[in-house]
């Protein structure tokens, strides 16, 4: 039996955390961002590295890739710019995260992929679901 097909979904998201110390939580995402920007794909073809370049982080993407491929994963994570971490996550005070979720909706996102971080991950997911 062939799988059912449905409407095309547009997925976006990132690490989800609601709290005042957004920078500390975003730091949890740095190693994963460094892995994707620096360590995935072929040297000449990496979707996430290309995305970082398209966002205007050409030098940082190159440096992250170089450090990661040299085995310096901590240095690669440290090379990920703060602003890029902000773009790639949903971390911050509740009002800020809610605004980002609404911006995704306005941009045509139909599905959120948001791994929650915090003491009560189920509550975080419920909070976001209630906004939708």
Protein backbone atom coordinates (compact mmCIF):
# COMPACT_ATOMS: atom_id res chain seq x y z
CA UNK A 1 0.00 0.00 0.00
CA UNK A 2 1.41 3.40 -0.98
CA UNK A 3 1.71 5.98 1.80
CA UNK A 4 -0.83 8.77 1.85
CA UNK A 5 0.32 12.05 0.49
CA UNK A 6 -0.79 15.32 1.92
CA UNK A 7 0.01 18.96 1.68
CA UNK A 8 3.62 20.02 1.60
CA UNK A 9 4.84 20.99 5.06
CA UNK A 10 7.32 23.73 5.81
CA UNK A 11 9.34 22.88 8.92
CA UNK A 12 11.34 25.31 11.04
CA UNK A 13 12.40 25.63 14.63
CA UNK A 14 15.39 25.10 16.83
CA UNK A 15 16.26 24.56 20.45
CA UNK A 16 13.32 25.78 22.58
CA UNK A 17 13.80 27.38 25.99
CA UNK A 18 11.78 30.06 27.74
CA UNK A 19 13.60 32.11 30.33
CA UNK A 20 15.42 35.32 30.97
CA UNK A 21 18.95 33.94 30.42
CA UNK A 22 18.56 33.22 26.72
CA UNK A 23 22.30 33.51 26.00
CA UNK A 24 23.15 30.68 28.41
CA UNK A 25 20.55 28.40 26.86
CA UNK A 26 21.63 29.29 23.32
CA UNK A 27 25.13 28.22 24.27
CA UNK A 28 23.74 24.68 24.60
CA UNK A 29 23.02 24.79 20.86
CA UNK A 30 26.54 25.82 19.82
CA UNK A 31 28.02 22.29 19.57
CA UNK A 32 25.14 21.10 17.38
CA UNK A 33 25.30 24.19 15.17
CA UNK A 34 29.07 23.70 14.85
CA UNK A 35 28.50 20.07 13.86
CA UNK A 36 26.04 21.01 11.13
CA UNK A 37 27.91 24.07 9.82
CA UNK A 38 31.36 22.58 10.21
CA UNK A 39 31.16 18.83 10.15
CA UNK A 40 28.42 17.62 7.82
CA UNK A 41 28.37 17.16 4.07
CA UNK A 42 31.28 17.09 1.71
CA UNK A 43 33.94 19.77 1.97
CA UNK A 44 32.56 21.58 -1.05
CA UNK A 45 28.86 20.90 -0.41
CA UNK A 46 27.32 21.48 3.01
CA UNK A 47 23.74 22.76 3.12
CA UNK A 48 24.12 24.25 6.61
CA UNK A 49 27.43 25.92 5.84
CA UNK A 50 25.84 27.37 2.70
CA UNK A 51 22.92 28.60 4.82
CA UNK A 52 25.28 30.35 7.25
CA UNK A 53 27.00 32.01 4.29
CA UNK A 54 23.62 33.08 2.86
CA UNK A 55 22.79 34.67 6.24
CA UNK A 56 25.96 36.75 5.94
CA UNK A 57 28.34 34.68 8.07
CA UNK A 58 30.79 33.62 5.36
CA UNK A 59 33.99 34.06 7.36
CA UNK A 60 32.49 32.52 10.51
CA UNK A 61 31.17 29.52 8.53
CA UNK A 62 34.57 28.98 6.95
CA UNK A 63 36.32 29.21 10.33
CA UNK A 64 33.80 26.87 12.00
CA UNK A 65 34.27 24.30 9.24
CA UNK A 66 38.06 24.56 9.37
CA UNK A 67 38.16 24.14 13.16
CA UNK A 68 35.66 21.30 13.14
CA UNK A 69 37.46 19.36 10.44
CA UNK A 70 40.75 19.87 12.34
CA UNK A 71 39.12 18.06 15.28
CA UNK A 72 38.85 21.23 17.38
CA UNK A 73 35.14 20.85 18.10
CA UNK A 74 35.06 23.13 21.17
CA UNK A 75 36.81 25.89 19.24
CA UNK A 76 34.39 25.38 16.35
CA UNK A 77 31.44 25.75 18.74
CA UNK A 78 32.98 28.91 20.22
CA UNK A 79 33.36 30.32 16.67
CA UNK A 80 29.59 30.22 16.08
CA UNK A 81 28.46 33.87 16.38
CA UNK A 82 25.95 34.83 19.08
CA UNK A 83 23.60 36.34 16.51
CA UNK A 84 23.63 33.13 14.44
CA UNK A 85 22.77 31.12 17.57
CA UNK A 86 19.84 33.46 18.11
CA UNK A 87 18.64 32.95 14.52
CA UNK A 88 18.87 29.17 14.86
CA UNK A 89 17.00 28.79 18.18
CA UNK A 90 13.79 29.74 19.98
CA UNK A 91 15.33 30.82 23.29
CA UNK A 92 14.49 33.81 25.42
CA UNK A 93 11.77 35.44 27.46
CA UNK A 94 8.25 34.18 26.74
CA UNK A 95 7.20 37.26 24.77
CA UNK A 96 10.27 37.02 22.53
CA UNK A 97 9.78 33.31 21.81
CA UNK A 98 6.10 33.89 21.12
CA UNK A 99 6.97 36.65 18.62
CA UNK A 100 9.43 34.30 16.86
CA UNK A 101 6.79 31.56 16.63
CA UNK A 102 4.34 34.07 15.14
CA UNK A 103 6.99 35.22 12.65
CA UNK A 104 7.41 31.60 11.56
CA UNK A 105 3.66 31.31 11.05
CA UNK A 106 3.58 34.53 9.00
CA UNK A 107 6.47 33.19 6.89
CA UNK A 108 4.44 30.09 5.99
CA UNK A 109 5.89 27.57 8.43
CA UNK A 110 3.37 24.78 8.99
CA UNK A 111 5.32 22.57 11.42
CA UNK A 112 7.66 23.42 14.29
CA UNK A 113 10.55 21.14 15.23
CA UNK A 114 11.55 22.42 18.66
CA UNK A 115 13.59 20.22 21.00
CA UNK A 116 12.77 21.63 24.47
CA UNK A 117 15.44 22.36 27.08
CA UNK A 118 14.62 22.96 30.72
CA UNK A 119 13.21 21.45 33.86
CA UNK A 120 9.79 20.70 32.35
CA UNK A 121 10.07 20.01 28.59
CA UNK A 122 6.47 18.80 28.30
CA UNK A 123 5.23 22.12 29.71
CA UNK A 124 7.34 24.03 27.18
CA UNK A 125 5.80 22.11 24.30
CA UNK A 126 2.29 22.63 25.74
CA UNK A 127 2.96 26.37 26.07
CA UNK A 128 3.93 26.65 22.41
CA UNK A 129 1.02 24.43 21.30
CA UNK A 130 -1.38 26.75 23.14
CA UNK A 131 -0.05 29.72 21.17
CA UNK A 132 -0.92 27.97 17.94
